[in-house]
Amino acid sequence: MKKCDFAKPKEPCHAHRRGSSSFKMHDRRKVLAGFDLKKGDVVLDLGCGPGDYAIECARIVGATGLVYALDRQQELLDDLKERAERMGLDNIRAIPRDITLPLPLEDNCTDLCIIITVLHIPGVSDKKGKIFAEVKRILKPGGRLVTIDVKKEDSSFGPPLHMRIAPEEVEASVIRHGFEKTEFTDLGNNYMLSFRMKK
C-alpha cells in the first residue's frame, strides 16, 4: 500500500485553531459510519486539534492503515502522540502544519480527508478553495472528503452567527474542485457533508 511521504513545513504556521474539540457534541457512531473506513485505509485529518477523531480513525484502519493528523499547534500534536503511544497506536503521524498552506503529502495517496469544525475559523474560511484544491491533489481517485461544521443558526454557544458557514456554501466550494456530494447528515447543532471525487 502506498503511504504518503511528508516533509517538515517550510513556511511558518499561523494561528487558525484553538485546542477545543467538538468530538463529544456528535453522535460518534453516526459520524464514524459516515467516514466509511476499512482496514488499511489512509486518512488525513486536517486541523485535527486534540486528535479525537484521528485516534478513532487509527483504531479502525488498523496496523495496515495510516492517519495523518495536521494542526498548527505543536502542543496538541505532542499530546496526541502521547495518547496514541499509551493506546498502542503506532499508525498516527502528527505533523505541525498550517492547513491553508500546501500540504506536505504526495499526490493521490489518501483514501479519506476529514475537516471537522475548522472551515468557519477566520483565516481558514476565506481560503477554502485552496484547501479543497490541495485535498483533491492528495486524494486517490474516487477518494472521499467529509466535513463537519456548525449550522448557520443562532445558538447560545459556539462561534458567532457571522462566522458560521451554511452547508450550501461548503458544497458550492467543494464541487468546484471535481467532487460530488454523496450525503448530508444532521448532527443536531452541527451538520456533516460527505463528498467523493468524480472519476
Foldseek 3Di string as FASTA:
>chain_A
DDAWDFDADPDAADDQDDLDDCCVLFPVVVVVVLQVDAAQFEEEEEQCRLPPVVLVNLVHNDPNYAYEYEHQDVVSLVNNVVVCVVVVRPRYHYGHDHLLDQGRTAFAHGQEYEYEARCLTPVRVVSVLSNLLNVNGRHHAFHKYKYKHFDLDDDPDDDHNVSGDHPVRNQVSNVVNQKDWDDWADGDRMIMTMITHDD
